[in-house]
Every structure is written in C-alpha cells, then in structure tokens.
Full PDB file with SEQRES, HELIX, SHEET, SSBOND, CRYST1, ORIGX, SCALE, CONECT and MASTER records, all heavy atoms in Angstrom:
SEQRES   1 A   34  PRO PHE LYS ALA LEU SER ALA ASP LYS VAL VAL SER PHE          
SEQRES   2 A   34  PHE HIS THR VAL ILE PHE PRO LEU MET ASN PRO VAL ILE          
SEQRES   3 A   34  TYR THR LEU ARG ASN GLN GLU VAL                              
HELIX    1 AA1 ASP A    8  PHE A   13  1                                   6    
HELIX    2 AA2 PHE A   14  ILE A   18  3                                   5    
HELIX    3 AA3 PHE A   19  LEU A   29  1                                  11    
CRYST1    1.000    1.000    1.000  90.00  90.00  90.00 P 1           1          
ORIGX1      1.000000  0.000000  0.000000        0.00000                         
ORIGX2      0.000000  1.000000  0.000000        0.00000                         
ORIGX3      0.000000  0.000000  1.000000        0.00000                         
SCALE1      1.000000  0.000000  0.000000        0.00000                         
SCALE2      0.000000  1.000000  0.000000        0.00000                         
SCALE3      0.000000  0.000000  1.000000        0.00000                         
ATOM      1  N   PRO A   1     -22.668 -31.298  63.693  1.00  0.00           N  
ATOM      2  CA  PRO A   1     -23.966 -32.004  63.734  1.00  0.00           C  
ATOM      3  C   PRO A   1     -24.171 -32.804  62.467  1.00  0.00           C  
ATOM      4  O   PRO A   1     -23.699 -32.427  61.389  1.00  0.00           O  
ATOM      5  CB  PRO A   1     -24.952 -30.819  63.805  1.00  0.00           C  
ATOM      6  CG  PRO A   1     -24.189 -29.664  64.411  1.00  0.00           C  
ATOM      7  CD  PRO A   1     -22.749 -29.854  63.900  1.00  0.00           C  
ATOM      8  N   PHE A   2     -24.862 -33.911  62.594  1.00  0.00           N  
ATOM      9  CA  PHE A   2     -24.997 -34.843  61.506  1.00  0.00           C  
ATOM     10  C   PHE A   2     -25.991 -34.298  60.472  1.00  0.00           C  
ATOM     11  O   PHE A   2     -27.068 -34.847  60.250  1.00  0.00           O  
ATOM     12  CB  PHE A   2     -25.446 -36.207  61.992  1.00  0.00           C  
ATOM     13  CG  PHE A   2     -24.390 -36.839  62.864  1.00  0.00           C  
ATOM     14  CD1 PHE A   2     -24.703 -37.779  63.832  1.00  0.00           C  
ATOM     15  CD2 PHE A   2     -23.066 -36.520  62.717  1.00  0.00           C  
ATOM     16  CE1 PHE A   2     -23.748 -38.418  64.623  1.00  0.00           C  
ATOM     17  CE2 PHE A   2     -22.052 -37.143  63.472  1.00  0.00           C  
ATOM     18  CZ  PHE A   2     -22.411 -38.061  64.474  1.00  0.00           C  
ATOM     19  N   LYS A   3     -25.561 -33.290  59.771  1.00  0.00           N  
ATOM     20  CA  LYS A   3     -26.340 -32.681  58.671  1.00  0.00           C  
ATOM     21  C   LYS A   3     -25.653 -33.020  57.370  1.00  0.00           C  
ATOM     22  O   LYS A   3     -24.458 -32.829  57.213  1.00  0.00           O  
ATOM     23  CB  LYS A   3     -26.443 -31.164  58.878  1.00  0.00           C  
ATOM     24  CG  LYS A   3     -27.258 -30.481  57.775  1.00  0.00           C  
ATOM     25  CD  LYS A   3     -27.314 -28.973  58.046  1.00  0.00           C  
ATOM     26  CE  LYS A   3     -28.123 -28.294  56.929  1.00  0.00           C  
ATOM     27  NZ  LYS A   3     -28.149 -26.834  57.123  1.00  0.00           N  
ATOM     28  N   ALA A   4     -26.431 -33.530  56.424  1.00  0.00           N  
ATOM     29  CA  ALA A   4     -25.832 -33.969  55.114  1.00  0.00           C  
ATOM     30  C   ALA A   4     -25.303 -32.778  54.352  1.00  0.00           C  
ATOM     31  O   ALA A   4     -25.994 -31.782  54.178  1.00  0.00           O  
ATOM     32  CB  ALA A   4     -26.862 -34.735  54.355  1.00  0.00           C  
ATOM     33  N   LEU A   5     -24.033 -32.987  53.842  1.00  0.00           N  
ATOM     34  CA  LEU A   5     -23.442 -31.992  52.960  1.00  0.00           C  
ATOM     35  C   LEU A   5     -23.114 -32.665  51.627  1.00  0.00           C  
ATOM     36  O   LEU A   5     -22.897 -33.869  51.582  1.00  0.00           O  
ATOM     37  CB  LEU A   5     -22.234 -31.366  53.590  1.00  0.00           C  
ATOM     38  CG  LEU A   5     -22.420 -30.549  54.888  1.00  0.00           C  
ATOM     39  CD1 LEU A   5     -21.036 -30.100  55.387  1.00  0.00           C  
ATOM     40  CD2 LEU A   5     -23.333 -29.415  54.646  1.00  0.00           C  
ATOM     41  N   SER A   6     -23.009 -31.909  50.576  1.00  0.00           N  
ATOM     42  CA  SER A   6     -22.749 -32.450  49.271  1.00  0.00           C  
ATOM     43  C   SER A   6     -21.384 -33.120  49.220  1.00  0.00           C  
ATOM     44  O   SER A   6     -21.134 -34.044  48.396  1.00  0.00           O  
ATOM     45  CB  SER A   6     -22.855 -31.334  48.184  1.00  0.00           C  
ATOM     46  OG  SER A   6     -21.925 -30.311  48.505  1.00  0.00           O  
ATOM     47  N   ALA A   7     -20.431 -32.656  50.041  1.00  0.00           N  
ATOM     48  CA  ALA A   7     -19.077 -33.205  49.997  1.00  0.00           C  
ATOM     49  C   ALA A   7     -18.896 -34.486  50.873  1.00  0.00           C  
ATOM     50  O   ALA A   7     -17.822 -35.101  50.866  1.00  0.00           O  
ATOM     51  CB  ALA A   7     -18.054 -32.160  50.469  1.00  0.00           C  
ATOM     52  N   ASP A   8     -19.930 -34.860  51.607  1.00  0.00           N  
ATOM     53  CA  ASP A   8     -19.798 -35.951  52.583  1.00  0.00           C  
ATOM     54  C   ASP A   8     -19.339 -37.239  51.911  1.00  0.00           C  
ATOM     55  O   ASP A   8     -18.428 -37.972  52.390  1.00  0.00           O  
ATOM     56  CB  ASP A   8     -21.134 -36.188  53.280  1.00  0.00           C  
ATOM     57  CG  ASP A   8     -21.339 -35.166  54.409  1.00  0.00           C  
ATOM     58  OD1 ASP A   8     -20.407 -34.412  54.682  1.00  0.00           O  
ATOM     59  OD2 ASP A   8     -22.453 -35.101  54.963  1.00  0.00           O  
ATOM     60  N   LYS A   9     -19.977 -37.620  50.802  1.00  0.00           N  
ATOM     61  CA  LYS A   9     -19.694 -38.891  50.154  1.00  0.00           C  
ATOM     62  C   LYS A   9     -18.241 -38.949  49.624  1.00  0.00           C  
ATOM     63  O   LYS A   9     -17.571 -39.955  49.720  1.00  0.00           O  
ATOM     64  CB  LYS A   9     -20.692 -39.179  49.042  1.00  0.00           C  
ATOM     65  CG  LYS A   9     -22.075 -39.536  49.526  1.00  0.00           C  
ATOM     66  CD  LYS A   9     -22.976 -39.907  48.358  1.00  0.00           C  
ATOM     67  CE  LYS A   9     -24.378 -40.211  48.814  1.00  0.00           C  
ATOM     68  NZ  LYS A   9     -25.266 -40.617  47.715  1.00  0.00           N  
ATOM     69  N   VAL A  10     -17.823 -37.852  49.024  1.00  0.00           N  
ATOM     70  CA  VAL A  10     -16.456 -37.758  48.481  1.00  0.00           C  
ATOM     71  C   VAL A  10     -15.408 -37.893  49.552  1.00  0.00           C  
ATOM     72  O   VAL A  10     -14.442 -38.657  49.452  1.00  0.00           O  
ATOM     73  CB  VAL A  10     -16.297 -36.457  47.655  1.00  0.00           C  
ATOM     74  CG1 VAL A  10     -14.844 -36.375  47.164  1.00  0.00           C  
ATOM     75  CG2 VAL A  10     -17.226 -36.408  46.476  1.00  0.00           C  
ATOM     76  N   VAL A  11     -15.666 -37.129  50.686  1.00  0.00           N  
ATOM     77  CA  VAL A  11     -14.730 -37.194  51.789  1.00  0.00           C  
ATOM     78  C   VAL A  11     -14.714 -38.589  52.397  1.00  0.00           C  
ATOM     79  O   VAL A  11     -13.660 -39.129  52.698  1.00  0.00           O  
ATOM     80  CB  VAL A  11     -15.136 -36.152  52.854  1.00  0.00           C  
ATOM     81  CG1 VAL A  11     -14.227 -36.315  54.097  1.00  0.00           C  
ATOM     82  CG2 VAL A  11     -14.952 -34.739  52.296  1.00  0.00           C  
ATOM     83  N   SER A  12     -15.866 -39.185  52.556  1.00  0.00           N  
ATOM     84  CA  SER A  12     -15.971 -40.534  53.099  1.00  0.00           C  
ATOM     85  C   SER A  12     -15.266 -41.574  52.182  1.00  0.00           C  
ATOM     86  O   SER A  12     -14.641 -42.525  52.657  1.00  0.00           O  
ATOM     87  CB  SER A  12     -17.433 -40.962  53.283  1.00  0.00           C  
ATOM     88  OG  SER A  12     -18.083 -40.181  54.238  1.00  0.00           O  
ATOM     89  N   PHE A  13     -15.372 -41.362  50.903  1.00  0.00           N  
ATOM     90  CA  PHE A  13     -14.753 -42.266  49.917  1.00  0.00           C  
ATOM     91  C   PHE A  13     -13.246 -42.269  50.072  1.00  0.00           C  
ATOM     92  O   PHE A  13     -12.616 -43.327  50.167  1.00  0.00           O  
ATOM     93  CB  PHE A  13     -15.131 -41.794  48.479  1.00  0.00           C  
ATOM     94  CG  PHE A  13     -14.381 -42.540  47.432  1.00  0.00           C  
ATOM     95  CD1 PHE A  13     -14.613 -43.899  47.168  1.00  0.00           C  
ATOM     96  CD2 PHE A  13     -13.450 -41.880  46.622  1.00  0.00           C  
ATOM     97  CE1 PHE A  13     -13.914 -44.553  46.174  1.00  0.00           C  
ATOM     98  CE2 PHE A  13     -12.721 -42.531  45.646  1.00  0.00           C  
ATOM     99  CZ  PHE A  13     -12.979 -43.872  45.410  1.00  0.00           C  
ATOM    100  N   PHE A  14     -12.652 -41.104  50.156  1.00  0.00           N  
ATOM    101  CA  PHE A  14     -11.206 -41.013  50.340  1.00  0.00           C  
ATOM    102  C   PHE A  14     -10.785 -41.492  51.736  1.00  0.00           C  
ATOM    103  O   PHE A  14      -9.760 -42.145  51.898  1.00  0.00           O  
ATOM    104  CB  PHE A  14     -10.714 -39.590  50.128  1.00  0.00           C  
ATOM    105  CG  PHE A  14     -10.579 -39.198  48.708  1.00  0.00           C  
ATOM    106  CD1 PHE A  14     -11.596 -38.540  48.053  1.00  0.00           C  
ATOM    107  CD2 PHE A  14      -9.426 -39.522  47.985  1.00  0.00           C  
ATOM    108  CE1 PHE A  14     -11.459 -38.203  46.687  1.00  0.00           C  
ATOM    109  CE2 PHE A  14      -9.301 -39.201  46.649  1.00  0.00           C  
ATOM    110  CZ  PHE A  14     -10.343 -38.520  45.980  1.00  0.00           C  
ATOM    111  N   HIS A  15     -11.653 -41.245  52.753  1.00  0.00           N  
ATOM    112  CA  HIS A  15     -11.318 -41.633  54.084  1.00  0.00           C  
ATOM    113  C   HIS A  15     -11.374 -43.133  54.332  1.00  0.00           C  
ATOM    114  O   HIS A  15     -10.595 -43.651  55.101  1.00  0.00           O  
ATOM    115  CB  HIS A  15     -12.307 -40.894  55.057  1.00  0.00           C  
ATOM    116  CG  HIS A  15     -12.095 -41.180  56.524  1.00  0.00           C  
ATOM    117  ND1 HIS A  15     -10.847 -40.976  57.088  1.00  0.00           N  
ATOM    118  CD2 HIS A  15     -12.908 -41.691  57.459  1.00  0.00           C  
ATOM    119  CE1 HIS A  15     -10.942 -41.296  58.408  1.00  0.00           C  
ATOM    120  NE2 HIS A  15     -12.175 -41.742  58.648  1.00  0.00           N  
ATOM    121  N   THR A  16     -12.301 -43.804  53.670  1.00  0.00           N  
ATOM    122  CA  THR A  16     -12.463 -45.235  53.907  1.00  0.00           C  
ATOM    123  C   THR A  16     -11.851 -46.147  52.879  1.00  0.00           C  
ATOM    124  O   THR A  16     -11.580 -47.338  53.141  1.00  0.00           O  
ATOM    125  CB  THR A  16     -13.978 -45.600  53.962  1.00  0.00           C  
ATOM    126  OG1 THR A  16     -14.613 -45.185  52.761  1.00  0.00           O  
ATOM    127  CG2 THR A  16     -14.638 -44.842  55.150  1.00  0.00           C  
ATOM    128  N   VAL A  17     -11.596 -45.593  51.654  1.00  0.00           N  
ATOM    129  CA  VAL A  17     -11.090 -46.491  50.571  1.00  0.00           C  
ATOM    130  C   VAL A  17      -9.685 -46.118  50.138  1.00  0.00           C  
ATOM    131  O   VAL A  17      -8.801 -47.006  50.068  1.00  0.00           O  
ATOM    132  CB  VAL A  17     -12.069 -46.378  49.361  1.00  0.00           C  
ATOM    133  CG1 VAL A  17     -11.494 -47.296  48.227  1.00  0.00           C  
ATOM    134  CG2 VAL A  17     -13.440 -46.840  49.757  1.00  0.00           C  
ATOM    135  N   ILE A  18      -9.406 -44.876  49.875  1.00  0.00           N  
ATOM    136  CA  ILE A  18      -8.118 -44.473  49.305  1.00  0.00           C  
ATOM    137  C   ILE A  18      -7.045 -44.245  50.339  1.00  0.00           C  
ATOM    138  O   ILE A  18      -5.959 -44.893  50.255  1.00  0.00           O  
ATOM    139  CB  ILE A  18      -8.310 -43.183  48.463  1.00  0.00           C  
ATOM    140  CG1 ILE A  18      -9.366 -43.388  47.362  1.00  0.00           C  
ATOM    141  CG2 ILE A  18      -6.957 -42.763  47.830  1.00  0.00           C  
ATOM    142  CD1 ILE A  18      -9.044 -44.440  46.375  1.00  0.00           C  
ATOM    143  N   PHE A  19      -7.260 -43.383  51.299  1.00  0.00           N  
ATOM    144  CA  PHE A  19      -6.225 -43.033  52.257  1.00  0.00           C  
ATOM    145  C   PHE A  19      -5.695 -44.169  53.103  1.00  0.00           C  
ATOM    146  O   PHE A  19      -4.469 -44.248  53.365  1.00  0.00           O  
ATOM    147  CB  PHE A  19      -6.715 -41.887  53.193  1.00  0.00           C  
ATOM    148  CG  PHE A  19      -6.851 -40.563  52.449  1.00  0.00           C  
ATOM    149  CD1 PHE A  19      -7.670 -39.589  52.935  1.00  0.00           C  
ATOM    150  CD2 PHE A  19      -6.153 -40.311  51.286  1.00  0.00           C  
ATOM    151  CE1 PHE A  19      -7.815 -38.366  52.299  1.00  0.00           C  
ATOM    152  CE2 PHE A  19      -6.282 -39.114  50.629  1.00  0.00           C  
ATOM    153  CZ  PHE A  19      -7.122 -38.134  51.124  1.00  0.00           C  
ATOM    154  N   PRO A  20      -6.551 -45.102  53.555  1.00  0.00           N  
ATOM    155  CA  PRO A  20      -6.030 -46.212  54.339  1.00  0.00           C  
ATOM    156  C   PRO A  20      -4.965 -47.032  53.650  1.00  0.00           C  
ATOM    157  O   PRO A  20      -4.016 -47.512  54.276  1.00  0.00           O  
ATOM    158  CB  PRO A  20      -7.266 -47.085  54.661  1.00  0.00           C  
ATOM    159  CG  PRO A  20      -8.381 -46.094  54.609  1.00  0.00           C  
ATOM    160  CD  PRO A  20      -8.034 -45.134  53.568  1.00  0.00           C  
ATOM    161  N   LEU A  21      -5.114 -47.222  52.343  1.00  0.00           N  
ATOM    162  CA  LEU A  21      -4.096 -47.963  51.582  1.00  0.00           C  
ATOM    163  C   LEU A  21      -2.861 -47.148  51.294  1.00  0.00           C  
ATOM    164  O   LEU A  21      -1.775 -47.727  51.131  1.00  0.00           O  
ATOM    165  CB  LEU A  21      -4.696 -48.419  50.231  1.00  0.00           C  
ATOM    166  CG  LEU A  21      -5.828 -49.449  50.328  1.00  0.00           C  
ATOM    167  CD1 LEU A  21      -6.477 -49.657  48.978  1.00  0.00           C  
ATOM    168  CD2 LEU A  21      -5.310 -50.801  50.859  1.00  0.00           C  
ATOM    169  N   MET A  22      -2.982 -45.832  51.316  1.00  0.00           N  
ATOM    170  CA  MET A  22      -1.886 -44.988  50.982  1.00  0.00           C  
ATOM    171  C   MET A  22      -0.957 -44.741  52.167  1.00  0.00           C  
ATOM    172  O   MET A  22       0.253 -44.502  51.964  1.00  0.00           O  
ATOM    173  CB  MET A  22      -2.324 -43.645  50.477  1.00  0.00           C  
ATOM    174  CG  MET A  22      -2.971 -43.681  49.068  1.00  0.00           C  
ATOM    175  SD  MET A  22      -3.617 -42.107  48.517  1.00  0.00           S  
ATOM    176  CE  MET A  22      -2.122 -41.126  48.535  1.00  0.00           C  
ATOM    177  N   ASN A  23      -1.473 -44.748  53.363  1.00  0.00           N  
ATOM    178  CA  ASN A  23      -0.663 -44.360  54.518  1.00  0.00           C  
ATOM    179  C   ASN A  23       0.674 -45.065  54.661  1.00  0.00           C  
ATOM    180  O   ASN A  23       1.735 -44.436  54.726  1.00  0.00           O  
ATOM    181  CB  ASN A  23      -1.458 -44.511  55.830  1.00  0.00           C  
ATOM    182  CG  ASN A  23      -2.615 -43.470  55.932  1.00  0.00           C  
ATOM    183  OD1 ASN A  23      -2.572 -42.467  55.254  1.00  0.00           O  
ATOM    184  ND2 ASN A  23      -3.535 -43.691  56.798  1.00  0.00           N  
ATOM    185  N   PRO A  24       0.693 -46.446  54.759  1.00  0.00           N  
ATOM    186  CA  PRO A  24       1.996 -47.117  54.884  1.00  0.00           C  
ATOM    187  C   PRO A  24       2.868 -46.894  53.666  1.00  0.00           C  
ATOM    188  O   PRO A  24       4.103 -46.870  53.784  1.00  0.00           O  
ATOM    189  CB  PRO A  24       1.573 -48.591  55.008  1.00  0.00           C  
ATOM    190  CG  PRO A  24       0.181 -48.576  55.448  1.00  0.00           C  
ATOM    191  CD  PRO A  24      -0.412 -47.379  54.761  1.00  0.00           C  
ATOM    192  N   VAL A  25       2.272 -46.850  52.476  1.00  0.00           N  
ATOM    193  CA  VAL A  25       3.052 -46.624  51.260  1.00  0.00           C  
ATOM    194  C   VAL A  25       3.773 -45.277  51.291  1.00  0.00           C  
ATOM    195  O   VAL A  25       4.952 -45.142  50.979  1.00  0.00           O  
ATOM    196  CB  VAL A  25       2.146 -46.702  50.010  1.00  0.00           C  
ATOM    197  CG1 VAL A  25       2.972 -46.417  48.755  1.00  0.00           C  
ATOM    198  CG2 VAL A  25       1.496 -48.071  49.925  1.00  0.00           C  
ATOM    199  N   ILE A  26       3.082 -44.209  51.726  1.00  0.00           N  
ATOM    200  CA  ILE A  26       3.690 -42.882  51.846  1.00  0.00           C  
ATOM    201  C   ILE A  26       4.871 -42.957  52.822  1.00  0.00           C  
ATOM    202  O   ILE A  26       5.930 -42.396  52.562  1.00  0.00           O  
ATOM    203  CB  ILE A  26       2.630 -41.872  52.347  1.00  0.00           C  
ATOM    204  CG1 ILE A  26       1.614 -41.601  51.235  1.00  0.00           C  
ATOM    205  CG2 ILE A  26       3.285 -40.538  52.721  1.00  0.00           C  
ATOM    206  CD1 ILE A  26       0.477 -40.747  51.662  1.00  0.00           C  
ATOM    207  N   TYR A  27       4.632 -43.637  53.948  1.00  0.00           N  
ATOM    208  CA  TYR A  27       5.718 -43.739  54.969  1.00  0.00           C  
ATOM    209  C   TYR A  27       6.869 -44.475  54.362  1.00  0.00           C  
ATOM    210  O   TYR A  27       8.039 -44.081  54.560  1.00  0.00           O  
ATOM    211  CB  TYR A  27       5.204 -44.417  56.190  1.00  0.00           C  
ATOM    212  CG  TYR A  27       6.192 -44.312  57.325  1.00  0.00           C  
ATOM    213  CD1 TYR A  27       6.069 -43.328  58.272  1.00  0.00           C  
ATOM    214  CD2 TYR A  27       7.273 -45.204  57.419  1.00  0.00           C  
ATOM    215  CE1 TYR A  27       7.000 -43.201  59.287  1.00  0.00           C  
ATOM    216  CE2 TYR A  27       8.205 -45.119  58.440  1.00  0.00           C  
ATOM    217  CZ  TYR A  27       8.051 -44.124  59.388  1.00  0.00           C  
ATOM    218  OH  TYR A  27       8.964 -43.992  60.380  1.00  0.00           O  
ATOM    219  N   THR A  28       6.643 -45.577  53.658  1.00  0.00           N  
ATOM    220  CA  THR A  28       7.737 -46.416  53.160  1.00  0.00           C  
ATOM    221  C   THR A  28       8.554 -45.675  52.094  1.00  0.00           C  
ATOM    222  O   THR A  28       9.771 -45.767  52.054  1.00  0.00           O  
ATOM    223  CB  THR A  28       7.170 -47.698  52.533  1.00  0.00           C  
ATOM    224  OG1 THR A  28       6.410 -48.388  53.565  1.00  0.00           O  
ATOM    225  CG2 THR A  28       8.289 -48.607  52.061  1.00  0.00           C  
ATOM    226  N   LEU A  29       7.869 -44.894  51.255  1.00  0.00           N  
ATOM    227  CA  LEU A  29       8.602 -44.177  50.184  1.00  0.00           C  
ATOM    228  C   LEU A  29       9.540 -43.123  50.764  1.00  0.00           C  
ATOM    229  O   LEU A  29      10.489 -42.701  50.081  1.00  0.00           O  
ATOM    230  CB  LEU A  29       7.586 -43.508  49.259  1.00  0.00           C  
ATOM    231  CG  LEU A  29       6.763 -44.453  48.376  1.00  0.00           C  
ATOM    232  CD1 LEU A  29       5.732 -43.679  47.586  1.00  0.00           C  
ATOM    233  CD2 LEU A  29       7.652 -45.268  47.454  1.00  0.00           C  
ATOM    234  N   ARG A  30       9.375 -42.718  52.011  1.00  0.00           N  
ATOM    235  CA  ARG A  30      10.186 -41.729  52.600  1.00  0.00           C  
ATOM    236  C   ARG A  30      11.111 -42.302  53.665  1.00  0.00           C  
ATOM    237  O   ARG A  30      11.787 -41.589  54.384  1.00  0.00           O  
ATOM    238  CB  ARG A  30       9.336 -40.645  53.294  1.00  0.00           C  
ATOM    239  CG  ARG A  30       8.473 -39.840  52.308  1.00  0.00           C  
ATOM    240  CD  ARG A  30       7.660 -38.791  53.056  1.00  0.00           C  
ATOM    241  NE  ARG A  30       8.477 -37.905  53.784  1.00  0.00           N  
ATOM    242  CZ  ARG A  30       8.975 -36.713  53.271  1.00  0.00           C  
ATOM    243  NH1 ARG A  30       8.747 -36.411  52.053  1.00  0.00           N  
ATOM    244  NH2 ARG A  30       9.730 -35.975  54.054  1.00  0.00           N  
ATOM    245  N   ASN A  31      11.164 -43.649  53.729  1.00  0.00           N  
ATOM    246  CA  ASN A  31      12.012 -44.304  54.712  1.00  0.00           C  
ATOM    247  C   ASN A  31      13.072 -45.179  53.993  1.00  0.00           C  
ATOM    248  O   ASN A  31      12.734 -46.193  53.399  1.00  0.00           O  
ATOM    249  CB  ASN A  31      11.186 -45.213  55.654  1.00  0.00           C  
ATOM    250  CG  ASN A  31      11.988 -45.725  56.822  1.00  0.00           C  
ATOM    251  OD1 ASN A  31      12.859 -46.562  56.659  1.00  0.00           O  
ATOM    252  ND2 ASN A  31      11.705 -45.227  58.010  1.00  0.00           N  
ATOM    253  N   GLN A  32      14.311 -44.738  54.029  1.00  0.00           N  
ATOM    254  CA  GLN A  32      15.374 -45.386  53.239  1.00  0.00           C  
ATOM    255  C   GLN A  32      15.643 -46.791  53.700  1.00  0.00           C  
ATOM    256  O   GLN A  32      15.922 -47.734  52.915  1.00  0.00           O  
ATOM    257  CB  GLN A  32      16.655 -44.547  53.301  1.00  0.00           C  
ATOM    258  CG  GLN A  32      17.764 -45.043  52.366  1.00  0.00           C  
ATOM    259  CD  GLN A  32      17.302 -44.981  50.913  1.00  0.00           C  
ATOM    260  OE1 GLN A  32      16.680 -44.035  50.471  1.00  0.00           O  
ATOM    261  NE2 GLN A  32      17.586 -46.058  50.170  1.00  0.00           N  
ATOM    262  N   GLU A  33      15.564 -47.041  55.042  1.00  0.00           N  
ATOM    263  CA  GLU A  33      15.831 -48.342  55.571  1.00  0.00           C  
ATOM    264  C   GLU A  33      14.848 -49.416  55.089  1.00  0.00           C  
ATOM    265  O   GLU A  33      15.226 -50.510  54.641  1.00  0.00           O  
ATOM    266  CB  GLU A  33      15.865 -48.334  57.104  1.00  0.00           C  
ATOM    267  CG  GLU A  33      17.050 -47.665  57.728  1.00  0.00           C  
ATOM    268  CD  GLU A  33      16.881 -46.130  57.778  1.00  0.00           C  
ATOM    269  OE1 GLU A  33      15.865 -45.629  57.288  1.00  0.00           O  
ATOM    270  OE2 GLU A  33      17.774 -45.476  58.303  1.00  0.00           O  
ATOM    271  N   VAL A  34      13.552 -49.022  55.117  1.00  0.00           N  
ATOM    272  CA  VAL A  34      12.507 -49.949  54.650  1.00  0.00           C  
ATOM    273  C   VAL A  34      12.632 -50.155  53.147  1.00  0.00           C  
ATOM    274  O   VAL A  34      12.477 -51.313  52.681  1.00  0.00           O  
ATOM    275  CB  VAL A  34      11.115 -49.413  55.046  1.00  0.00           C  
ATOM    276  CG1 VAL A  34      10.034 -50.375  54.524  1.00  0.00           C  
ATOM    277  CG2 VAL A  34      10.968 -49.249  56.535  1.00  0.00           C  
TER     278      VAL A  34                                                      
MASTER        0    0    0    3    0    0    0    6  277    1    0    3          
END                                                                             
C-alpha cells in the first residue's frame, strides 16, 4: 500500500538514477566478447 516509509526516497534514488546506468556496464564487464 502506498504508505510513505523513510527508505522510499533512497530506494527510488538508486532505482531511477544509479541502477539504470549500471545494468549494461555490469553485463559488459562479465562478457569477454563485448
């Protein structure tokens, strides 16, 4: 349920700003062909 928690902003920050940029990079670092 949409009840505000203290961790919401931090989780949203990583979800919308940090992790999207990291995903392809993580994959590439583990893929020898790329």
